[in-house]
Amino acid sequence: MMEFVERLVCKLYRLVKMAFLRSRYGSRLDVGGPISFRNPFFCRLGPHGRMHLGRGAFFNYGCKIIAHEHIEIGDDCLFGPNVQVFDFDHGHDRSDIAYKKQGMETKPVTIGSNVWLGANVVVLKGGNDRGQRYRGCRDDCIA
């Protein structure tokens, strides 16, 4: 009985979370079809950020995806626990000015279809797997 209740609560969480994300970001968040994620799932778009989540993508516990420019995730991707994807970085050219006052640098991130990112992988700005770079990226990888 408890297993049924847990599955029901998880399904309700996913439905409410997707409704919230779509109402908050509108057309800037493009979901290509059904996706799955486990709680907690953190998805944030900056004022000009856009994101595409491919059909059949799965995000395990604790995934974070934050776009200030553009993040594209292909179909049927598999994200392990705590995977993080960021298309930005804080400016850090000058040591005499606080990092938080140096603005941000952004570059799009593209993750192709059928890519597996293992637990704790971090994908940073400008990441692109056109050369299959991320396919099977194992645990604790920074790309």
N, C-alpha and C. Protein backbone atom coordinates (compact mmCIF):
# COMPACT_ATOMS: atom_id res chain seq x y z
N MET A 1 0.82 -1.20 0.00
CA MET A 1 0.00 0.00 0.00
C MET A 1 0.86 1.26 0.00
N MET A 2 1.93 1.28 0.83
CA MET A 2 2.79 2.47 0.91
C MET A 2 3.52 2.71 -0.41
N GLU A 3 3.89 1.64 -1.10
CA GLU A 3 4.55 1.80 -2.38
C GLU A 3 3.62 2.48 -3.38
N PHE A 4 2.35 2.10 -3.38
CA PHE A 4 1.37 2.73 -4.25
C PHE A 4 1.23 4.23 -3.92
N VAL A 5 1.17 4.55 -2.64
CA VAL A 5 1.04 5.95 -2.21
C VAL A 5 2.27 6.74 -2.65
N GLU A 6 3.45 6.15 -2.50
CA GLU A 6 4.67 6.84 -2.91
C GLU A 6 4.67 7.12 -4.42
N ARG A 7 4.30 6.13 -5.22
CA ARG A 7 4.23 6.33 -6.67
C ARG A 7 3.22 7.40 -7.05
N LEU A 8 2.09 7.41 -6.36
CA LEU A 8 1.06 8.41 -6.62
C LEU A 8 1.56 9.82 -6.28
N VAL A 9 2.20 9.96 -5.13
CA VAL A 9 2.73 11.26 -4.73
C VAL A 9 3.80 11.73 -5.72
N CYS A 10 4.66 10.83 -6.17
CA CYS A 10 5.69 11.19 -7.14
C CYS A 10 5.08 11.63 -8.47
N LYS A 11 4.05 10.94 -8.91
CA LYS A 11 3.39 11.32 -10.16
C LYS A 11 2.73 12.69 -10.02
N LEU A 12 2.08 12.94 -8.90
CA LEU A 12 1.48 14.25 -8.67
C LEU A 12 2.55 15.34 -8.65
N TYR A 13 3.70 15.06 -8.02
CA TYR A 13 4.80 16.02 -8.00
C TYR A 13 5.22 16.37 -9.42
N ARG A 14 5.41 15.36 -10.27
CA ARG A 14 5.84 15.61 -11.65
C ARG A 14 4.81 16.44 -12.41
N LEU A 15 3.54 16.12 -12.26
CA LEU A 15 2.50 16.87 -12.95
C LEU A 15 2.46 18.33 -12.50
N VAL A 16 2.51 18.55 -11.20
CA VAL A 16 2.48 19.91 -10.66
C VAL A 16 3.74 20.67 -11.06
N LYS A 17 4.90 20.03 -10.98
CA LYS A 17 6.16 20.68 -11.34
C LYS A 17 6.16 21.11 -12.80
N MET A 18 5.72 20.23 -13.71
CA MET A 18 5.68 20.59 -15.14
C MET A 18 4.69 21.72 -15.39
N ALA A 19 3.54 21.70 -14.74
CA ALA A 19 2.57 22.78 -14.89
C ALA A 19 3.16 24.10 -14.41
N PHE A 20 3.86 24.05 -13.28
CA PHE A 20 4.50 25.24 -12.75
C PHE A 20 5.56 25.77 -13.71
N LEU A 21 6.44 24.90 -14.21
CA LEU A 21 7.50 25.33 -15.12
C LEU A 21 6.93 25.92 -16.41
N ARG A 22 5.91 25.28 -16.96
CA ARG A 22 5.31 25.80 -18.20
C ARG A 22 4.63 27.14 -17.97
N SER A 23 3.96 27.30 -16.83
CA SER A 23 3.31 28.59 -16.56
C SER A 23 4.34 29.68 -16.28
N ARG A 24 5.44 29.33 -15.66
CA ARG A 24 6.46 30.32 -15.33
C ARG A 24 7.28 30.76 -16.54
N TYR A 25 7.64 29.81 -17.42
CA TYR A 25 8.56 30.11 -18.52
C TYR A 25 7.91 30.13 -19.90
N GLY A 26 6.71 29.64 -20.03
CA GLY A 26 6.00 29.69 -21.31
C GLY A 26 6.80 29.05 -22.43
N SER A 27 6.86 29.73 -23.57
CA SER A 27 7.49 29.17 -24.77
C SER A 27 9.02 29.11 -24.66
N ARG A 28 9.61 29.74 -23.65
CA ARG A 28 11.07 29.65 -23.48
C ARG A 28 11.50 28.27 -23.01
N LEU A 29 10.56 27.50 -22.46
CA LEU A 29 10.81 26.10 -22.07
C LEU A 29 10.07 25.20 -23.05
N ASP A 30 10.81 24.51 -23.89
CA ASP A 30 10.24 23.62 -24.90
C ASP A 30 10.48 22.18 -24.47
N VAL A 31 9.40 21.45 -24.26
CA VAL A 31 9.50 20.04 -23.88
C VAL A 31 9.00 19.23 -25.07
N GLY A 32 9.91 18.41 -25.64
CA GLY A 32 9.61 17.72 -26.88
C GLY A 32 8.67 16.54 -26.77
N GLY A 33 8.28 16.18 -25.58
CA GLY A 33 7.39 15.04 -25.34
C GLY A 33 7.49 14.66 -23.89
N PRO A 34 6.92 13.53 -23.52
CA PRO A 34 6.95 13.13 -22.11
C PRO A 34 8.39 12.98 -21.61
N ILE A 35 8.65 13.53 -20.43
CA ILE A 35 9.92 13.35 -19.76
C ILE A 35 9.63 12.81 -18.36
N SER A 36 10.66 12.29 -17.71
CA SER A 36 10.52 11.79 -16.34
C SER A 36 11.61 12.40 -15.48
N PHE A 37 11.28 12.68 -14.24
CA PHE A 37 12.27 13.15 -13.30
C PHE A 37 11.86 12.76 -11.89
N ARG A 38 12.86 12.67 -11.05
CA ARG A 38 12.64 12.35 -9.64
C ARG A 38 12.86 13.60 -8.81
N ASN A 39 12.16 13.66 -7.71
CA ASN A 39 12.24 14.78 -6.79
C ASN A 39 13.54 14.72 -6.00
N PRO A 40 14.27 15.81 -5.84
CA PRO A 40 13.99 17.13 -6.38
C PRO A 40 14.58 17.31 -7.79
N PHE A 41 13.89 18.07 -8.60
CA PHE A 41 14.33 18.43 -9.95
C PHE A 41 14.32 19.94 -10.02
N PHE A 42 15.47 20.54 -10.32
CA PHE A 42 15.60 21.99 -10.31
C PHE A 42 15.86 22.47 -11.73
N CYS A 43 14.97 23.30 -12.25
CA CYS A 43 15.06 23.82 -13.61
C CYS A 43 14.82 25.32 -13.53
N ARG A 44 15.77 26.12 -13.99
CA ARG A 44 15.64 27.56 -13.89
C ARG A 44 16.09 28.21 -15.19
N LEU A 45 15.36 29.24 -15.62
CA LEU A 45 15.74 30.03 -16.79
C LEU A 45 15.95 31.47 -16.35
N GLY A 46 17.08 32.05 -16.79
CA GLY A 46 17.32 33.47 -16.54
C GLY A 46 16.38 34.29 -17.42
N PRO A 47 16.43 35.61 -17.31
CA PRO A 47 15.50 36.49 -18.04
C PRO A 47 15.47 36.26 -19.55
N HIS A 48 16.60 35.84 -20.14
CA HIS A 48 16.67 35.61 -21.59
C HIS A 48 16.97 34.15 -21.92
N GLY A 49 16.94 33.30 -20.92
CA GLY A 49 17.29 31.90 -21.11
C GLY A 49 16.20 31.11 -21.83
N ARG A 50 16.65 30.10 -22.59
CA ARG A 50 15.75 29.17 -23.26
C ARG A 50 16.27 27.75 -23.03
N MET A 51 15.34 26.80 -23.08
CA MET A 51 15.72 25.42 -22.84
C MET A 51 14.83 24.48 -23.64
N HIS A 52 15.45 23.42 -24.17
CA HIS A 52 14.71 22.35 -24.83
C HIS A 52 15.04 21.05 -24.11
N LEU A 53 14.01 20.35 -23.67
CA LEU A 53 14.16 19.04 -23.04
C LEU A 53 13.56 18.01 -23.99
N GLY A 54 14.37 17.08 -24.47
CA GLY A 54 13.93 16.12 -25.46
C GLY A 54 12.97 15.07 -24.93
N ARG A 55 12.21 14.52 -25.85
CA ARG A 55 11.24 13.46 -25.55
C ARG A 55 11.95 12.26 -24.92
N GLY A 56 11.38 11.76 -23.84
CA GLY A 56 11.90 10.56 -23.20
C GLY A 56 13.10 10.78 -22.30
N ALA A 57 13.50 12.02 -22.08
CA ALA A 57 14.64 12.29 -21.19
C ALA A 57 14.27 11.91 -19.76
N PHE A 58 15.25 11.40 -19.02
CA PHE A 58 15.04 11.02 -17.62
C PHE A 58 16.08 11.71 -16.75
N PHE A 59 15.61 12.36 -15.69
CA PHE A 59 16.46 13.08 -14.75
C PHE A 59 16.31 12.45 -13.37
N ASN A 60 17.39 11.88 -12.86
CA ASN A 60 17.34 11.22 -11.56
C ASN A 60 17.35 12.25 -10.43
N TYR A 61 17.40 11.79 -9.20
CA TYR A 61 17.33 12.66 -8.02
C TYR A 61 18.34 13.80 -8.08
N GLY A 62 17.90 15.00 -7.75
CA GLY A 62 18.79 16.13 -7.53
C GLY A 62 19.38 16.80 -8.76
N CYS A 63 18.85 16.55 -9.95
CA CYS A 63 19.40 17.19 -11.15
C CYS A 63 19.08 18.69 -11.15
N LYS A 64 20.05 19.48 -11.66
CA LYS A 64 19.89 20.93 -11.77
C LYS A 64 20.24 21.35 -13.18
N ILE A 65 19.36 22.12 -13.80
CA ILE A 65 19.61 22.64 -15.13
C ILE A 65 19.27 24.12 -15.10
N ILE A 66 20.27 24.98 -15.36
CA ILE A 66 20.06 26.42 -15.28
C ILE A 66 20.56 27.06 -16.57
N ALA A 67 19.66 27.75 -17.28
CA ALA A 67 19.99 28.37 -18.57
C ALA A 67 19.83 29.89 -18.49
N HIS A 68 20.90 30.59 -18.81
CA HIS A 68 20.82 32.04 -18.98
C HIS A 68 20.84 32.40 -20.46
N GLU A 69 21.26 31.47 -21.31
CA GLU A 69 21.23 31.66 -22.76
C GLU A 69 20.41 30.54 -23.40
N HIS A 70 21.02 29.35 -23.58
CA HIS A 70 20.28 28.24 -24.19
C HIS A 70 20.91 26.90 -23.82
N ILE A 71 20.06 25.97 -23.39
CA ILE A 71 20.46 24.58 -23.15
C ILE A 71 19.53 23.70 -23.96
N GLU A 72 20.13 22.78 -24.72
CA GLU A 72 19.34 21.83 -25.51
C GLU A 72 19.75 20.41 -25.10
N ILE A 73 18.76 19.63 -24.71
CA ILE A 73 18.97 18.24 -24.32
C ILE A 73 18.15 17.37 -25.27
N GLY A 74 18.81 16.43 -25.93
CA GLY A 74 18.16 15.61 -26.95
C GLY A 74 17.22 14.56 -26.36
N ASP A 75 16.64 13.79 -27.26
CA ASP A 75 15.69 12.74 -26.89
C ASP A 75 16.40 11.58 -26.17
N ASP A 76 15.65 10.93 -25.29
CA ASP A 76 16.07 9.68 -24.65
C ASP A 76 17.38 9.77 -23.86
N CYS A 77 17.68 10.92 -23.31
CA CYS A 77 18.87 11.08 -22.48
C CYS A 77 18.61 10.53 -21.08
N LEU A 78 19.66 10.10 -20.44
CA LEU A 78 19.59 9.52 -19.10
C LEU A 78 20.57 10.27 -18.21
N PHE A 79 20.04 10.98 -17.21
CA PHE A 79 20.85 11.76 -16.29
C PHE A 79 20.87 11.06 -14.93
N GLY A 80 22.05 10.74 -14.43
CA GLY A 80 22.18 10.12 -13.12
C GLY A 80 21.90 11.12 -12.00
N PRO A 81 21.96 10.67 -10.76
CA PRO A 81 21.69 11.56 -9.63
C PRO A 81 22.65 12.75 -9.60
N ASN A 82 22.11 13.90 -9.27
CA ASN A 82 22.89 15.13 -9.04
C ASN A 82 23.64 15.66 -10.25
N VAL A 83 23.22 15.31 -11.46
CA VAL A 83 23.82 15.90 -12.66
C VAL A 83 23.45 17.38 -12.70
N GLN A 84 24.41 18.22 -13.09
CA GLN A 84 24.18 19.65 -13.18
C GLN A 84 24.61 20.15 -14.56
N VAL A 85 23.77 21.01 -15.16
CA VAL A 85 24.07 21.58 -16.47
C VAL A 85 23.90 23.09 -16.37
N PHE A 86 24.96 23.83 -16.71
CA PHE A 86 24.94 25.29 -16.64
C PHE A 86 25.47 25.87 -17.95
N ASP A 87 24.81 26.88 -18.49
CA ASP A 87 25.31 27.54 -19.69
C ASP A 87 25.95 28.88 -19.37
N PHE A 88 26.35 29.09 -18.14
CA PHE A 88 26.91 30.37 -17.73
C PHE A 88 28.02 30.16 -16.70
N ASP A 89 28.77 31.21 -16.51
CA ASP A 89 29.80 31.23 -15.49
C ASP A 89 29.94 32.68 -15.04
N HIS A 90 30.36 32.89 -13.83
CA HIS A 90 30.57 34.25 -13.35
C HIS A 90 31.87 34.79 -13.90
N GLY A 91 31.88 36.09 -14.22
CA GLY A 91 33.10 36.72 -14.67
C GLY A 91 34.17 36.61 -13.60
N HIS A 92 35.42 36.46 -14.02
CA HIS A 92 36.51 36.29 -13.06
C HIS A 92 37.83 36.83 -13.60
N ASP A 93 37.75 37.82 -14.49
CA ASP A 93 38.97 38.35 -15.11
C ASP A 93 39.80 39.23 -14.17
N ARG A 94 39.12 39.90 -13.25
CA ARG A 94 39.82 40.86 -12.39
C ARG A 94 39.74 40.44 -10.93
N SER A 95 40.88 40.37 -10.28
CA SER A 95 40.90 39.99 -8.87
C SER A 95 40.60 41.16 -7.95
N ASP A 96 40.62 42.39 -8.49
CA ASP A 96 40.34 43.56 -7.65
C ASP A 96 38.85 43.89 -7.58
N ILE A 97 38.03 43.15 -8.29
CA ILE A 97 36.58 43.35 -8.27
C ILE A 97 35.93 42.04 -7.85
N ALA A 98 34.96 42.14 -6.95
CA ALA A 98 34.26 40.93 -6.49
C ALA A 98 33.68 40.17 -7.68
N TYR A 99 33.77 38.85 -7.65
CA TYR A 99 33.27 38.04 -8.75
C TYR A 99 31.81 38.32 -9.04
N LYS A 100 31.02 38.48 -8.01
CA LYS A 100 29.58 38.71 -8.22
C LYS A 100 29.30 40.04 -8.91
N LYS A 101 30.27 40.93 -8.96
CA LYS A 101 30.08 42.23 -9.63
C LYS A 101 30.65 42.25 -11.05
N GLN A 102 31.20 41.13 -11.51
CA GLN A 102 31.81 41.08 -12.83
C GLN A 102 30.87 40.54 -13.91
N GLY A 103 29.62 40.36 -13.57
CA GLY A 103 28.66 39.88 -14.57
C GLY A 103 28.82 38.41 -14.86
N MET A 104 28.12 37.97 -15.90
CA MET A 104 28.17 36.55 -16.29
C MET A 104 28.62 36.41 -17.72
N GLU A 105 29.22 35.28 -17.99
CA GLU A 105 29.58 34.89 -19.34
C GLU A 105 28.72 33.68 -19.69
N THR A 106 28.11 33.68 -20.88
CA THR A 106 27.25 32.56 -21.28
C THR A 106 27.68 32.00 -22.62
N LYS A 107 27.45 30.72 -22.80
CA LYS A 107 27.59 30.02 -24.09
C LYS A 107 26.60 28.88 -24.07
N PRO A 108 25.93 28.62 -25.19
CA PRO A 108 24.94 27.54 -25.23
C PRO A 108 25.56 26.18 -24.93
N VAL A 109 24.71 25.29 -24.43
CA VAL A 109 25.09 23.89 -24.17
C VAL A 109 24.18 23.02 -25.02
N THR A 110 24.78 22.06 -25.73
CA THR A 110 24.01 21.10 -26.53
C THR A 110 24.40 19.69 -26.12
N ILE A 111 23.41 18.93 -25.70
CA ILE A 111 23.60 17.51 -25.37
C ILE A 111 22.71 16.74 -26.34
N GLY A 112 23.31 15.88 -27.15
CA GLY A 112 22.57 15.17 -28.19
C GLY A 112 21.61 14.13 -27.64
N SER A 113 21.05 13.34 -28.52
CA SER A 113 20.09 12.30 -28.14
C SER A 113 20.81 11.04 -27.66
N ASN A 114 20.12 10.27 -26.81
CA ASN A 114 20.60 9.00 -26.29
C ASN A 114 21.96 9.14 -25.60
N VAL A 115 22.09 10.17 -24.77
CA VAL A 115 23.31 10.40 -24.02
C VAL A 115 23.08 10.05 -22.56
N TRP A 116 24.04 9.35 -21.97
CA TRP A 116 23.97 9.01 -20.56
C TRP A 116 25.02 9.82 -19.82
N LEU A 117 24.59 10.55 -18.79
CA LEU A 117 25.50 11.27 -17.91
C LEU A 117 25.38 10.63 -16.53
N GLY A 118 26.48 10.07 -16.03
CA GLY A 118 26.46 9.38 -14.75
C GLY A 118 26.33 10.33 -13.58
N ALA A 119 26.27 9.78 -12.38
CA ALA A 119 26.07 10.55 -11.16
C ALA A 119 27.11 11.65 -11.00
N ASN A 120 26.64 12.83 -10.57
CA ASN A 120 27.48 13.98 -10.21
C ASN A 120 28.23 14.61 -11.38
N VAL A 121 27.86 14.32 -12.61
CA VAL A 121 28.49 14.96 -13.76
C VAL A 121 28.07 16.43 -13.79
N VAL A 122 29.02 17.31 -14.13
CA VAL A 122 28.74 18.73 -14.29
C VAL A 122 29.10 19.13 -15.71
N VAL A 123 28.14 19.67 -16.46
CA VAL A 123 28.37 20.16 -17.81
C VAL A 123 28.37 21.69 -17.74
N LEU A 124 29.46 22.29 -18.20
CA LEU A 124 29.62 23.73 -18.10
C LEU A 124 29.36 24.43 -19.43
N LYS A 125 29.31 25.75 -19.38
CA LYS A 125 28.98 26.56 -20.55
C LYS A 125 29.82 26.18 -21.76
N GLY A 126 29.17 26.25 -22.93
CA GLY A 126 29.86 25.92 -24.16
C GLY A 126 29.96 24.44 -24.45
N GLY A 127 29.47 23.60 -23.58
CA GLY A 127 29.55 22.15 -23.79
C GLY A 127 28.74 21.72 -25.00
N ASN A 128 29.29 20.82 -25.78
CA ASN A 128 28.65 20.38 -27.00
C ASN A 128 29.10 18.96 -27.28
N ASP A 129 28.15 18.06 -27.47
CA ASP A 129 28.54 16.66 -27.66
C ASP A 129 28.40 16.21 -29.11
N ARG A 130 28.52 17.13 -30.06
CA ARG A 130 28.39 16.71 -31.46
C ARG A 130 29.38 15.60 -31.80
N GLY A 131 30.49 15.57 -31.08
CA GLY A 131 31.47 14.51 -31.28
C GLY A 131 31.28 13.36 -30.30
N GLN A 132 30.09 13.22 -29.75
CA GLN A 132 29.76 12.14 -28.82
C GLN A 132 30.56 12.27 -27.52
N ARG A 133 30.96 13.47 -27.18
CA ARG A 133 31.81 13.70 -26.01
C ARG A 133 31.19 13.23 -24.71
N TYR A 134 29.89 13.39 -24.54
CA TYR A 134 29.27 13.06 -23.27
C TYR A 134 28.73 11.64 -23.20
N ARG A 135 28.63 10.96 -24.30
CA ARG A 135 27.99 9.65 -24.30
C ARG A 135 28.70 8.75 -23.29
N GLY A 136 27.99 8.39 -22.24
CA GLY A 136 28.56 7.52 -21.22
C GLY A 136 29.52 8.23 -20.29
N CYS A 137 29.39 9.54 -20.14
CA CYS A 137 30.24 10.28 -19.21
C CYS A 137 29.99 9.72 -17.80
N ARG A 138 31.00 9.16 -17.20
CA ARG A 138 30.85 8.43 -15.96
C ARG A 138 30.73 9.36 -14.74
N ASP A 139 30.52 8.76 -13.61
CA ASP A 139 30.32 9.47 -12.36
C ASP A 139 31.43 10.48 -12.09
N ASP A 140 31.04 11.61 -11.52
CA ASP A 140 31.95 12.65 -11.06
C ASP A 140 32.78 13.28 -12.17
N CYS A 141 32.28 13.34 -13.36
CA CYS A 141 32.96 13.93 -14.50
C CYS A 141 32.59 15.41 -14.61
N ILE A 142 33.54 16.25 -14.97
CA ILE A 142 33.24 17.65 -15.30
C ILE A 142 33.58 17.83 -16.76
N ALA A 143 32.58 18.24 -17.54
CA ALA A 143 32.79 18.38 -18.98
C ALA A 143 32.61 19.83 -19.40
